[in-house]
Amino acid sequence: MLKLVSYGVIASAIAFIICLLALMFFYAAQPSPPGPPQQQATEESTIAQDHREAERSFWEKVTTDPVATFTLLLVIFTGVLSLVGVFQLWLLLRGETVAEKTADAAKESADVANKTLTASQRPWIFPDVSVGSDLSINDDGAKVTFEYVLKNSGNTPALAVEVYPKLFAFQFGKISGDPPNLTVNVPQTNAAAELAKFCAALTESSEMLAKANVSKGDPIFPGRELRGALNITMPKAEIDAAREQSGPDILSPVLLFCVTYRTPFDNKSHRTGLVFTLVKREPSAAGGLRPFTADDKLIPRELLELHPFPFHSGEAD
């Protein structure tokens, strides 16, 4: 708004100066009006004087005609006032810009401070997951139990805490054709992308329930824990597909473990997601660990281990 006003003032000042200059030139160029009829000699003298006035230069008229001199001084004074007005408007615009930048910086600083305060006071849930039973692999698929301990390391209670696991077989992928004309028939599993998609859908569902005032899950107070166990199965068809792609007929189960919860401040849901690979402990194997083969039917609990997935083991919000 202030810029529009400034443009209007500048345009008005320029128009005023142009009008004054035009008036001054017009007045200086006008011949003196003829007087009443007099003698012929008087008329000729008047006409000659008018011609002499018309032939005089601008500066001669300004220096000899008091009215023209006054008009010129008025134009100069008005021009100076216009320049002063334009300068003052520039100062106002500059002050407005500085004020806007200052206000934006203050708002940004306040937002950062608010986020910092929220992050320092909000709940933070971290799950500690372990194998809770033997792993059974048969014609019905695979079945295993996982135990968990959820810890709230934040400063406020975590509300509507829910746990969601997902066990699936790592797909090694299948490629056909000869280089460079290769066709990807089955893409290799991207565990990081699977975890992000899995947790994002659960977080969105939690927020929808919060907006609908639907209460689910358990609260965990600061410094407290919540323990539990979950039985998970994996379909036989998925196991067979993974073994077919692996070449040596191996199975490498992947566990996605996502925890969703809310804060007491708003309906925004937060999450902690972890991704593990389930392996078998075997001293004769490289590194003492190996995936599962077709001969593995019932693996005791003490030989099972959960390891963070290589390169990407989790996320938190």
Protein backbone atom coordinates (compact mmCIF):
# COMPACT_ATOMS: atom_id res chain seq x y z
CA MET A 1 0.00 0.00 0.00
CA LEU A 2 2.80 2.38 0.87
CA LYS A 3 4.45 1.73 -2.48
CA LEU A 4 1.26 2.63 -4.35
CA VAL A 5 1.00 5.89 -2.41
CA SER A 6 4.64 6.70 -3.17
CA TYR A 7 4.13 6.09 -6.89
CA GLY A 8 1.11 8.39 -6.84
CA VAL A 9 3.01 11.15 -5.05
CA ILE A 10 5.94 10.94 -7.50
CA ALA A 11 3.61 11.04 -10.51
CA SER A 12 1.73 14.02 -9.06
CA ALA A 13 4.96 15.92 -8.39
CA ILE A 14 6.21 15.33 -11.93
CA ALA A 15 2.87 16.38 -13.44
CA PHE A 16 2.85 19.53 -11.30
CA ILE A 17 6.34 20.52 -12.41
CA ILE A 18 5.49 19.93 -16.08
CA CYS A 19 2.35 22.04 -15.76
CA LEU A 20 4.25 24.90 -14.12
CA LEU A 21 6.93 24.83 -16.79
CA ALA A 22 4.31 24.78 -19.53
CA LEU A 23 2.49 27.69 -17.89
CA MET A 24 5.70 29.68 -17.59
CA PHE A 25 6.65 29.13 -21.23
CA PHE A 26 3.14 29.84 -22.38
CA TYR A 27 3.01 33.04 -20.38
CA ALA A 28 6.43 34.16 -21.57
CA ALA A 29 5.56 33.48 -25.20
CA GLN A 30 2.26 35.38 -25.13
CA PRO A 31 2.32 38.91 -26.66
CA SER A 32 0.82 41.72 -24.68
CA PRO A 33 -2.86 42.24 -25.48
CA PRO A 34 -3.64 45.27 -27.63
CA GLY A 35 -5.05 48.32 -25.93
CA PRO A 36 -8.11 50.27 -26.94
CA PRO A 37 -8.14 52.00 -30.33
CA GLN A 38 -5.83 54.91 -30.40
CA GLN A 39 -4.01 56.85 -32.98
CA GLN A 40 -2.32 54.97 -35.81
CA ALA A 41 1.14 55.81 -34.52
CA THR A 42 0.33 54.45 -31.12
CA GLU A 43 -0.96 51.18 -32.61
CA GLU A 44 2.12 50.76 -34.76
CA SER A 45 4.30 51.42 -31.74
CA THR A 46 2.43 48.80 -29.73
CA ILE A 47 2.72 46.22 -32.50
CA ALA A 48 6.43 46.85 -32.81
CA GLN A 49 6.83 46.49 -29.06
CA ASP A 50 4.96 43.17 -29.13
CA HIS A 51 7.23 41.90 -31.86
CA ARG A 52 10.26 42.89 -29.82
CA GLU A 53 8.79 41.06 -26.80
CA ALA A 54 8.24 37.92 -28.87
CA GLU A 55 11.79 38.01 -30.19
CA ARG A 56 13.32 38.22 -26.72
CA SER A 57 14.88 34.99 -25.33
CA PHE A 58 13.53 33.09 -22.38
CA TRP A 59 16.29 34.18 -20.02
CA GLU A 60 15.85 37.84 -21.08
CA LYS A 61 12.17 37.65 -20.17
CA VAL A 62 12.96 35.94 -16.86
CA THR A 63 15.51 38.58 -15.87
CA THR A 64 13.37 41.56 -16.92
CA ASP A 65 9.81 40.39 -16.22
CA PRO A 66 9.03 40.17 -12.46
CA VAL A 67 6.12 37.78 -13.06
CA ALA A 68 8.28 35.40 -15.11
CA THR A 69 11.02 35.59 -12.49
CA PHE A 70 8.56 34.75 -9.73
CA THR A 71 7.12 31.86 -11.77
CA LEU A 72 10.61 30.41 -12.33
CA LEU A 73 11.45 30.67 -8.65
CA LEU A 74 8.14 29.02 -7.79
CA VAL A 75 8.89 26.13 -10.16
CA ILE A 76 12.37 25.66 -8.68
CA PHE A 77 11.02 25.75 -5.13
CA THR A 78 8.25 23.29 -6.03
CA GLY A 79 10.80 20.99 -7.68
CA VAL A 80 12.97 21.07 -4.57
CA LEU A 81 9.94 20.25 -2.43
CA SER A 82 9.06 17.36 -4.76
CA LEU A 83 12.59 15.97 -4.53
CA VAL A 84 12.45 16.22 -0.74
CA GLY A 85 9.09 14.43 -0.78
CA VAL A 86 10.46 11.67 -3.02
CA PHE A 87 13.48 11.28 -0.73
CA GLN A 88 11.22 11.04 2.32
CA LEU A 89 9.11 8.40 0.55
CA TRP A 90 12.27 6.45 -0.25
CA LEU A 91 13.20 6.57 3.42
CA LEU A 92 9.71 5.34 4.34
CA LEU A 93 9.92 2.49 1.83
CA ARG A 94 13.37 1.56 3.07
CA GLY A 95 12.10 1.62 6.65
CA GLU A 96 9.15 -0.56 5.66
CA THR A 97 11.50 -3.08 3.99
CA VAL A 98 13.75 -3.15 7.04
CA ALA A 99 10.71 -3.58 9.29
CA GLU A 100 9.43 -6.48 7.16
CA LYS A 101 12.82 -8.21 7.24
CA THR A 102 13.05 -7.65 10.99
CA ALA A 103 9.56 -9.05 11.49
CA ASP A 104 10.35 -12.09 9.31
CA ALA A 105 13.59 -12.70 11.21
CA ALA A 106 11.75 -12.40 14.53
CA LYS A 107 9.06 -14.82 13.34
CA GLU A 108 11.67 -17.29 12.12
CA SER A 109 13.53 -17.02 15.41
CA ALA A 110 10.29 -17.56 17.33
CA ASP A 111 9.47 -20.61 15.18
CA VAL A 112 12.92 -22.09 15.82
CA ALA A 113 12.58 -21.43 19.53
CA ASN A 114 9.12 -23.02 19.56
CA LYS A 115 10.35 -26.09 17.67
CA THR A 116 13.34 -26.37 19.98
CA LEU A 117 11.11 -26.11 23.04
CA THR A 118 8.69 -28.67 21.61
CA ALA A 119 11.51 -31.07 20.72
CA SER A 120 13.01 -30.77 24.20
CA GLN A 121 9.68 -31.29 25.98
CA ARG A 122 7.89 -33.79 23.73
CA PRO A 123 7.98 -37.57 24.28
CA TRP A 124 10.49 -39.73 22.43
CA ILE A 125 9.77 -43.44 22.11
CA PHE A 126 12.52 -45.95 21.36
CA PRO A 127 11.76 -49.68 20.96
CA ASP A 128 14.13 -52.41 22.06
CA VAL A 129 13.19 -55.49 20.01
CA SER A 130 14.39 -59.07 20.50
CA VAL A 131 13.46 -62.61 19.43
CA GLY A 132 10.95 -64.16 21.81
CA SER A 133 10.47 -67.72 20.47
CA ASP A 134 11.77 -70.40 18.13
CA LEU A 135 11.40 -69.83 14.39
CA SER A 136 9.20 -72.42 12.69
CA ILE A 137 9.29 -72.84 8.89
CA ASN A 138 6.89 -75.38 7.37
CA ASP A 139 4.31 -75.77 4.63
CA ASP A 140 2.15 -73.10 6.20
CA GLY A 141 4.93 -70.51 6.14
CA ALA A 142 7.10 -69.10 8.91
CA LYS A 143 6.10 -68.20 12.44
CA VAL A 144 8.03 -66.42 15.21
CA THR A 145 7.44 -64.22 18.26
CA PHE A 146 9.17 -60.91 18.91
CA GLU A 147 9.37 -59.21 22.29
CA TYR A 148 9.71 -55.46 22.71
CA VAL A 149 10.32 -52.84 25.36
CA LEU A 150 9.17 -49.30 24.59
CA LYS A 151 10.98 -46.55 26.49
CA ASN A 152 9.89 -42.93 26.77
CA SER A 153 13.04 -40.82 27.05
CA GLY A 154 11.17 -37.51 26.65
CA ASN A 155 9.77 -35.08 29.22
CA THR A 156 6.03 -35.50 28.59
CA PRO A 157 3.72 -38.51 28.32
CA ALA A 158 3.38 -40.32 25.00
CA LEU A 159 -0.29 -40.92 24.17
CA ALA A 160 -1.99 -43.52 21.95
CA VAL A 161 1.16 -45.63 21.64
CA GLU A 162 0.72 -48.45 19.14
CA VAL A 163 3.12 -51.08 17.81
CA TYR A 164 3.06 -52.45 14.26
CA PRO A 165 5.43 -55.21 13.05
CA LYS A 166 5.78 -56.64 9.56
CA LEU A 167 7.88 -59.67 8.62
CA PHE A 168 8.64 -60.37 4.99
CA ALA A 169 11.20 -62.25 2.91
CA PHE A 170 13.97 -60.21 1.36
CA GLN A 171 13.57 -60.36 -2.41
CA PHE A 172 16.95 -60.69 -4.10
CA GLY A 173 15.45 -59.67 -7.43
CA LYS A 174 15.32 -61.39 -10.80
CA ILE A 175 16.90 -60.16 -14.04
CA SER A 176 16.60 -61.65 -17.52
CA GLY A 177 18.38 -60.98 -20.81
CA ASP A 178 21.96 -60.18 -21.71
CA PRO A 179 23.84 -56.91 -21.14
CA PRO A 180 23.13 -54.24 -22.05
CA ASN A 181 19.54 -55.39 -22.76
CA LEU A 182 18.57 -56.44 -19.24
CA THR A 183 15.02 -56.72 -17.96
CA VAL A 184 14.21 -56.48 -14.26
CA ASN A 185 11.46 -59.03 -13.71
CA VAL A 186 11.46 -58.75 -9.92
CA PRO A 187 13.12 -55.71 -8.26
CA GLN A 188 15.37 -56.21 -5.27
CA THR A 189 13.87 -55.23 -1.92
CA ASN A 190 14.59 -51.65 -0.84
CA ALA A 191 14.30 -52.00 2.94
CA ALA A 192 14.63 -48.25 3.61
CA ALA A 193 11.81 -47.42 1.19
CA GLU A 194 9.63 -50.20 2.61
CA LEU A 195 10.11 -48.89 6.15
CA ALA A 196 9.33 -45.29 5.15
CA LYS A 197 6.16 -46.34 3.30
CA PHE A 198 5.06 -48.64 6.12
CA CYS A 199 5.50 -46.04 8.88
CA ALA A 200 4.07 -43.16 6.83
CA ALA A 201 0.80 -45.02 6.28
CA LEU A 202 0.53 -45.88 9.98
CA THR A 203 1.27 -42.27 11.02
CA GLU A 204 -1.40 -40.95 8.68
CA SER A 205 -3.92 -43.44 10.07
CA SER A 206 -3.05 -42.40 13.64
CA GLU A 207 -3.62 -38.73 12.83
CA MET A 208 -6.99 -39.50 11.22
CA LEU A 209 -8.08 -41.34 14.37
CA ALA A 210 -6.96 -38.38 16.49
CA LYS A 211 -9.03 -35.94 14.40
CA ALA A 212 -12.03 -38.24 14.81
CA ASN A 213 -11.47 -38.31 18.62
CA VAL A 214 -10.93 -42.08 18.52
CA SER A 215 -8.72 -43.24 21.38
CA LYS A 216 -6.43 -46.24 20.81
CA GLY A 217 -3.14 -47.44 22.21
CA ASP A 218 -1.46 -47.01 25.57
CA PRO A 219 0.18 -44.06 27.35
CA ILE A 220 3.82 -44.15 28.40
CA PHE A 221 4.94 -41.61 30.97
CA PRO A 222 8.43 -40.06 31.02
CA GLY A 223 11.05 -42.53 32.17
CA ARG A 224 8.61 -45.45 32.09
CA GLU A 225 8.50 -48.56 29.88
CA LEU A 226 5.89 -50.64 28.10
CA ARG A 227 6.60 -54.31 27.44
CA GLY A 228 4.87 -56.69 25.06
CA ALA A 229 5.19 -59.54 22.56
CA LEU A 230 3.83 -60.14 19.06
CA ASN A 231 3.37 -63.32 17.06
CA ILE A 232 4.17 -62.80 13.38
CA THR A 233 3.76 -65.10 10.37
CA MET A 234 5.14 -65.00 6.84
CA PRO A 235 3.29 -66.68 3.91
CA LYS A 236 4.79 -69.77 2.29
CA ALA A 237 4.41 -68.29 -1.22
CA GLU A 238 6.55 -65.33 -0.26
CA ILE A 239 9.24 -67.61 1.17
CA ASP A 240 9.30 -69.75 -1.99
CA ALA A 241 9.56 -66.68 -4.25
CA ALA A 242 12.51 -65.34 -2.27
CA ARG A 243 14.34 -68.67 -2.30
CA GLU A 244 13.83 -69.03 -6.04
CA GLN A 245 15.51 -65.66 -6.66
CA SER A 246 18.40 -66.23 -4.26
CA GLY A 247 20.15 -68.94 -6.25
CA PRO A 248 21.49 -70.99 -3.31
CA ASP A 249 17.91 -71.44 -2.02
CA ILE A 250 18.30 -69.19 1.02
CA LEU A 251 15.83 -67.15 3.05
CA SER A 252 16.63 -63.80 4.66
CA PRO A 253 13.66 -62.49 6.70
CA VAL A 254 13.33 -58.72 7.22
CA LEU A 255 11.44 -57.22 10.15
CA LEU A 256 9.85 -53.78 9.99
CA PHE A 257 8.96 -52.44 13.43
CA CYS A 258 7.07 -49.15 13.67
CA VAL A 259 5.78 -47.38 16.78
CA THR A 260 3.30 -44.49 16.48
CA TYR A 261 2.36 -42.11 19.28
CA ARG A 262 1.04 -38.62 19.94
CA THR A 263 1.95 -35.74 22.22
CA PRO A 264 -0.37 -33.98 24.69
CA PHE A 265 0.04 -30.71 22.75
CA ASP A 266 -1.80 -31.51 19.50
CA ASN A 267 -3.11 -34.26 17.24
CA LYS A 268 0.14 -34.66 15.32
CA SER A 269 1.42 -38.23 15.34
CA HIS A 270 5.07 -39.17 15.64
CA ARG A 271 6.79 -42.42 14.85
CA THR A 272 9.91 -44.46 15.40
CA GLY A 273 10.69 -47.07 12.79
CA LEU A 274 13.36 -49.75 12.84
CA VAL A 275 14.32 -52.36 10.26
CA PHE A 276 16.12 -55.60 11.12
CA THR A 277 17.32 -58.70 9.38
CA LEU A 278 16.70 -62.02 11.15
CA VAL A 279 19.70 -64.39 10.98
CA LYS A 280 20.86 -67.67 12.44
CA ARG A 281 23.93 -67.91 14.64
CA GLU A 282 26.36 -70.53 13.39
CA PRO A 283 30.04 -70.57 14.43
CA SER A 284 31.20 -72.28 11.22
CA ALA A 285 29.71 -69.56 8.96
CA ALA A 286 31.56 -66.40 7.95
CA GLY A 287 31.07 -63.87 10.74
CA GLY A 288 29.32 -66.50 12.81
CA LEU A 289 25.95 -65.72 11.21
CA ARG A 290 24.07 -66.93 8.13
CA PRO A 291 20.61 -66.74 6.50
CA PHE A 292 18.21 -69.69 6.52
CA THR A 293 18.33 -72.58 4.07
CA ALA A 294 15.77 -75.15 2.96
CA ASP A 295 17.03 -77.51 5.65
CA ASP A 296 16.08 -75.08 8.45
CA LYS A 297 12.69 -76.13 9.77
CA LEU A 298 12.76 -75.29 13.48
CA ILE A 299 15.46 -72.91 14.68
CA PRO A 300 15.80 -72.56 18.47
CA ARG A 301 15.41 -69.14 19.98
CA GLU A 302 18.96 -69.09 21.32
CA LEU A 303 20.32 -69.38 17.75
CA LEU A 304 18.26 -66.45 16.39
CA GLU A 305 19.47 -62.85 16.28
CA LEU A 306 18.05 -59.55 15.07
CA HIS A 307 20.60 -57.28 13.39
CA PRO A 308 20.04 -53.69 12.21
CA PHE A 309 19.64 -53.70 8.45
CA PRO A 310 22.85 -52.61 6.68
CA PHE A 311 23.11 -48.97 5.52
CA HIS A 312 19.69 -47.97 6.91
CA SER A 313 18.45 -49.24 10.24
CA GLY A 314 15.62 -46.85 11.08
CA GLU A 315 14.00 -43.43 11.25
CA ALA A 316 12.33 -41.18 13.84
CA ASP A 317 9.94 -38.24 13.72
